[in-house]
N, C-alpha and C. Protein backbone atom coordinates (compact mmCIF):
# COMPACT_ATOMS: atom_id res chain seq x y z
N MET A 1 33.49 -6.78 -69.53
CA MET A 1 32.86 -5.69 -70.23
C MET A 1 33.96 -4.74 -70.73
N LYS A 2 33.81 -4.33 -71.97
CA LYS A 2 34.75 -3.39 -72.56
C LYS A 2 33.98 -2.15 -72.99
N LEU A 3 34.57 -0.97 -72.77
CA LEU A 3 33.97 0.28 -73.19
C LEU A 3 34.83 0.90 -74.28
N ASN A 4 34.17 1.47 -75.26
CA ASN A 4 34.85 2.20 -76.32
C ASN A 4 34.21 3.58 -76.40
N PHE A 5 34.98 4.62 -76.09
CA PHE A 5 34.47 5.98 -76.16
C PHE A 5 34.59 6.47 -77.59
N VAL A 6 33.46 6.46 -78.29
CA VAL A 6 33.41 6.86 -79.69
C VAL A 6 33.52 8.38 -79.79
N GLU A 7 32.84 9.07 -78.87
CA GLU A 7 32.87 10.54 -78.84
C GLU A 7 32.82 11.00 -77.39
N ASP A 8 33.67 11.92 -77.05
CA ASP A 8 33.69 12.52 -75.71
C ASP A 8 34.11 13.97 -75.88
N SER A 9 33.12 14.80 -76.25
CA SER A 9 33.44 16.19 -76.59
C SER A 9 32.78 17.18 -75.64
N GLY A 10 32.76 16.84 -74.38
CA GLY A 10 32.17 17.75 -73.39
C GLY A 10 30.68 17.57 -73.28
N LYS A 11 29.94 18.21 -74.15
CA LYS A 11 28.48 18.16 -74.07
C LYS A 11 27.88 16.97 -74.82
N SER A 12 28.71 16.17 -75.45
CA SER A 12 28.26 15.01 -76.19
C SER A 12 29.13 13.80 -75.84
N LEU A 13 28.46 12.68 -75.60
CA LEU A 13 29.18 11.46 -75.23
C LEU A 13 28.52 10.27 -75.92
N ILE A 14 29.34 9.47 -76.58
CA ILE A 14 28.87 8.21 -77.17
C ILE A 14 29.82 7.12 -76.69
N VAL A 15 29.25 6.13 -75.99
CA VAL A 15 30.04 5.04 -75.44
C VAL A 15 29.48 3.72 -75.96
N GLU A 16 30.37 2.88 -76.49
CA GLU A 16 29.98 1.54 -76.90
C GLU A 16 30.23 0.58 -75.73
N PHE A 17 29.24 -0.22 -75.41
CA PHE A 17 29.35 -1.28 -74.41
C PHE A 17 29.52 -2.58 -75.18
N ILE A 18 30.70 -3.18 -75.06
CA ILE A 18 31.05 -4.35 -75.87
C ILE A 18 30.99 -5.60 -75.01
N ASP A 19 30.35 -6.64 -75.53
CA ASP A 19 30.20 -7.93 -74.85
C ASP A 19 29.49 -7.82 -73.51
N VAL A 20 28.46 -6.99 -73.46
CA VAL A 20 27.65 -6.87 -72.26
C VAL A 20 26.20 -6.67 -72.69
N ASP A 21 25.30 -7.14 -71.88
CA ASP A 21 23.88 -7.01 -72.17
C ASP A 21 23.48 -5.54 -72.30
N ARG A 22 22.54 -5.27 -73.17
CA ARG A 22 22.04 -3.91 -73.41
C ARG A 22 21.46 -3.28 -72.15
N SER A 23 21.07 -4.11 -71.18
CA SER A 23 20.41 -3.59 -69.98
C SER A 23 21.31 -2.66 -69.17
N VAL A 24 22.62 -2.80 -69.26
CA VAL A 24 23.53 -1.91 -68.53
C VAL A 24 23.38 -0.48 -69.07
N ALA A 25 23.43 -0.34 -70.38
CA ALA A 25 23.26 0.98 -70.99
C ALA A 25 21.85 1.52 -70.73
N GLU A 26 20.86 0.65 -70.76
CA GLU A 26 19.47 1.06 -70.50
C GLU A 26 19.30 1.55 -69.06
N LEU A 27 19.98 0.92 -68.11
CA LEU A 27 19.91 1.35 -66.72
C LEU A 27 20.48 2.76 -66.55
N ILE A 28 21.60 3.01 -67.20
CA ILE A 28 22.19 4.36 -67.16
C ILE A 28 21.24 5.36 -67.81
N LYS A 29 20.67 4.97 -68.93
CA LYS A 29 19.71 5.84 -69.63
C LYS A 29 18.54 6.19 -68.72
N SER A 30 18.03 5.21 -67.99
CA SER A 30 16.87 5.45 -67.13
C SER A 30 17.18 6.46 -66.02
N LYS A 31 18.44 6.50 -65.57
CA LYS A 31 18.84 7.48 -64.56
C LYS A 31 19.00 8.88 -65.18
N LEU A 32 19.41 8.93 -66.43
CA LEU A 32 19.66 10.22 -67.07
C LEU A 32 18.42 10.86 -67.67
N ILE A 33 17.41 10.06 -67.98
CA ILE A 33 16.27 10.55 -68.76
C ILE A 33 15.52 11.69 -68.08
N ASP A 34 15.48 11.71 -66.76
CA ASP A 34 14.76 12.76 -66.04
C ASP A 34 15.65 13.92 -65.60
N ASN A 35 16.94 13.86 -65.93
CA ASN A 35 17.87 14.92 -65.56
C ASN A 35 17.64 16.14 -66.45
N LYS A 36 17.37 17.29 -65.84
CA LYS A 36 17.05 18.50 -66.59
C LYS A 36 18.21 18.99 -67.46
N ASP A 37 19.44 18.56 -67.15
CA ASP A 37 20.60 18.98 -67.93
C ASP A 37 20.85 18.10 -69.15
N VAL A 38 20.11 17.01 -69.26
CA VAL A 38 20.27 16.10 -70.40
C VAL A 38 19.27 16.50 -71.49
N GLU A 39 19.80 16.82 -72.65
CA GLU A 39 18.95 17.19 -73.78
C GLU A 39 18.46 15.97 -74.56
N PHE A 40 19.31 14.93 -74.63
CA PHE A 40 18.95 13.68 -75.32
C PHE A 40 19.74 12.55 -74.71
N VAL A 41 19.07 11.42 -74.52
CA VAL A 41 19.76 10.20 -74.12
C VAL A 41 19.07 9.03 -74.81
N GLY A 42 19.87 8.15 -75.36
CA GLY A 42 19.32 6.99 -76.04
C GLY A 42 20.30 5.84 -76.06
N VAL A 43 19.76 4.65 -76.31
CA VAL A 43 20.58 3.46 -76.44
C VAL A 43 20.27 2.84 -77.79
N VAL A 44 21.33 2.52 -78.52
CA VAL A 44 21.19 1.96 -79.86
C VAL A 44 21.92 0.64 -79.92
N ARG A 45 21.26 -0.33 -80.51
CA ARG A 45 21.92 -1.60 -80.82
C ARG A 45 21.82 -1.76 -82.32
N GLU A 46 22.96 -1.68 -82.99
CA GLU A 46 22.94 -1.58 -84.44
C GLU A 46 22.59 -2.89 -85.15
N HIS A 47 22.88 -4.02 -84.49
CA HIS A 47 22.54 -5.31 -85.09
C HIS A 47 22.29 -6.32 -83.98
N PRO A 48 21.22 -7.11 -84.09
CA PRO A 48 20.88 -8.04 -83.01
C PRO A 48 21.91 -9.15 -82.77
N ASP A 49 22.72 -9.45 -83.76
CA ASP A 49 23.71 -10.52 -83.61
C ASP A 49 25.06 -10.03 -83.06
N ILE A 50 25.20 -8.74 -82.89
CA ILE A 50 26.46 -8.17 -82.40
C ILE A 50 26.22 -7.59 -81.01
N ASP A 51 27.05 -8.01 -80.05
CA ASP A 51 26.90 -7.57 -78.65
C ASP A 51 27.54 -6.21 -78.41
N ILE A 52 27.06 -5.20 -79.12
CA ILE A 52 27.54 -3.84 -78.90
C ILE A 52 26.32 -2.93 -78.82
N SER A 53 26.20 -2.24 -77.69
CA SER A 53 25.16 -1.22 -77.52
C SER A 53 25.84 0.12 -77.35
N LYS A 54 25.23 1.17 -77.90
CA LYS A 54 25.79 2.51 -77.77
C LYS A 54 24.88 3.35 -76.88
N LEU A 55 25.49 3.99 -75.90
CA LEU A 55 24.80 4.98 -75.07
C LEU A 55 25.16 6.34 -75.65
N ILE A 56 24.13 7.11 -76.00
CA ILE A 56 24.34 8.43 -76.60
C ILE A 56 23.75 9.47 -75.64
N VAL A 57 24.57 10.43 -75.24
CA VAL A 57 24.13 11.48 -74.31
C VAL A 57 24.51 12.83 -74.89
N LYS A 58 23.51 13.71 -74.99
CA LYS A 58 23.72 15.10 -75.39
C LYS A 58 23.22 15.94 -74.23
N SER A 59 24.00 16.95 -73.84
CA SER A 59 23.69 17.70 -72.63
C SER A 59 24.09 19.16 -72.78
N ASN A 60 23.53 19.99 -71.90
CA ASN A 60 23.97 21.38 -71.87
C ASN A 60 25.10 21.56 -70.85
N LYS A 61 25.50 20.48 -70.20
CA LYS A 61 26.65 20.45 -69.29
C LYS A 61 27.57 19.33 -69.75
N ASN A 62 28.58 19.00 -68.95
CA ASN A 62 29.51 17.94 -69.32
C ASN A 62 28.81 16.58 -69.23
N ALA A 63 28.65 15.94 -70.37
CA ALA A 63 27.90 14.68 -70.45
C ALA A 63 28.57 13.56 -69.66
N LYS A 64 29.89 13.49 -69.69
CA LYS A 64 30.60 12.43 -68.97
C LYS A 64 30.39 12.57 -67.46
N THR A 65 30.40 13.79 -66.97
CA THR A 65 30.15 14.04 -65.55
C THR A 65 28.75 13.59 -65.16
N LEU A 66 27.78 13.84 -66.01
CA LEU A 66 26.40 13.42 -65.73
C LEU A 66 26.28 11.90 -65.71
N VAL A 67 27.01 11.22 -66.59
CA VAL A 67 27.00 9.75 -66.60
C VAL A 67 27.66 9.23 -65.32
N GLU A 68 28.76 9.84 -64.92
CA GLU A 68 29.42 9.42 -63.68
C GLU A 68 28.49 9.58 -62.47
N LYS A 69 27.73 10.67 -62.43
CA LYS A 69 26.77 10.87 -61.34
C LYS A 69 25.67 9.81 -61.39
N ALA A 70 25.19 9.52 -62.59
CA ALA A 70 24.16 8.49 -62.74
C ALA A 70 24.67 7.14 -62.24
N LEU A 71 25.93 6.82 -62.53
CA LEU A 71 26.52 5.56 -62.06
C LEU A 71 26.60 5.53 -60.54
N GLY A 72 26.94 6.65 -59.93
CA GLY A 72 26.96 6.74 -58.47
C GLY A 72 25.57 6.54 -57.88
N ASP A 73 24.56 7.12 -58.54
CA ASP A 73 23.18 6.95 -58.08
C ASP A 73 22.75 5.49 -58.19
N ILE A 74 23.17 4.82 -59.25
CA ILE A 74 22.84 3.40 -59.45
C ILE A 74 23.50 2.57 -58.36
N GLN A 75 24.75 2.88 -58.02
CA GLN A 75 25.43 2.16 -56.95
C GLN A 75 24.69 2.34 -55.63
N ASP A 76 24.26 3.56 -55.34
CA ASP A 76 23.50 3.82 -54.11
C ASP A 76 22.20 3.03 -54.09
N ASP A 77 21.51 2.98 -55.23
CA ASP A 77 20.27 2.22 -55.33
C ASP A 77 20.51 0.73 -55.06
N MET A 78 21.60 0.19 -55.60
CA MET A 78 21.90 -1.23 -55.41
C MET A 78 22.26 -1.53 -53.96
N LYS A 79 22.97 -0.62 -53.30
CA LYS A 79 23.29 -0.80 -51.88
C LYS A 79 22.02 -0.80 -51.04
N GLU A 80 21.11 0.11 -51.36
CA GLU A 80 19.84 0.18 -50.63
C GLU A 80 19.02 -1.08 -50.86
N LEU A 81 18.99 -1.55 -52.09
CA LEU A 81 18.27 -2.78 -52.41
C LEU A 81 18.85 -3.96 -51.64
N ALA A 82 20.18 -4.07 -51.62
CA ALA A 82 20.83 -5.17 -50.91
C ALA A 82 20.54 -5.10 -49.41
N ALA A 83 20.50 -3.91 -48.86
CA ALA A 83 20.22 -3.75 -47.43
C ALA A 83 18.79 -4.15 -47.08
N ASN A 84 17.88 -4.07 -48.03
CA ASN A 84 16.48 -4.39 -47.77
C ASN A 84 16.12 -5.84 -48.11
N LEU A 85 17.07 -6.61 -48.59
CA LEU A 85 16.79 -8.02 -48.86
C LEU A 85 16.63 -8.76 -47.53
N PRO A 86 15.71 -9.71 -47.48
CA PRO A 86 15.54 -10.47 -46.24
C PRO A 86 16.80 -11.26 -45.88
N LYS A 87 17.10 -11.29 -44.62
CA LYS A 87 18.26 -12.05 -44.14
C LYS A 87 17.84 -13.49 -43.94
N LYS A 88 18.78 -14.43 -44.10
CA LYS A 88 18.48 -15.85 -43.92
C LYS A 88 18.39 -16.21 -42.47
């Protein structure tokens, strides 16, 4: 997976996810959508034949920090999920 930071201006962040399924950006979006500090969050795929999705975040706080927190929350969720899987 490759990331390209198109814009990182404090309250605005646009990140391209290259050669990765759109679901990664959508998962981050789902964590950010209910955050009261996020003014807008969306995922755009400009063409179906090109494996590039853009995560767009507009915030009244530092957008990159909010994304980092969302990623930490996702990691915690995955650890909890793994702990609850049945053992063989």
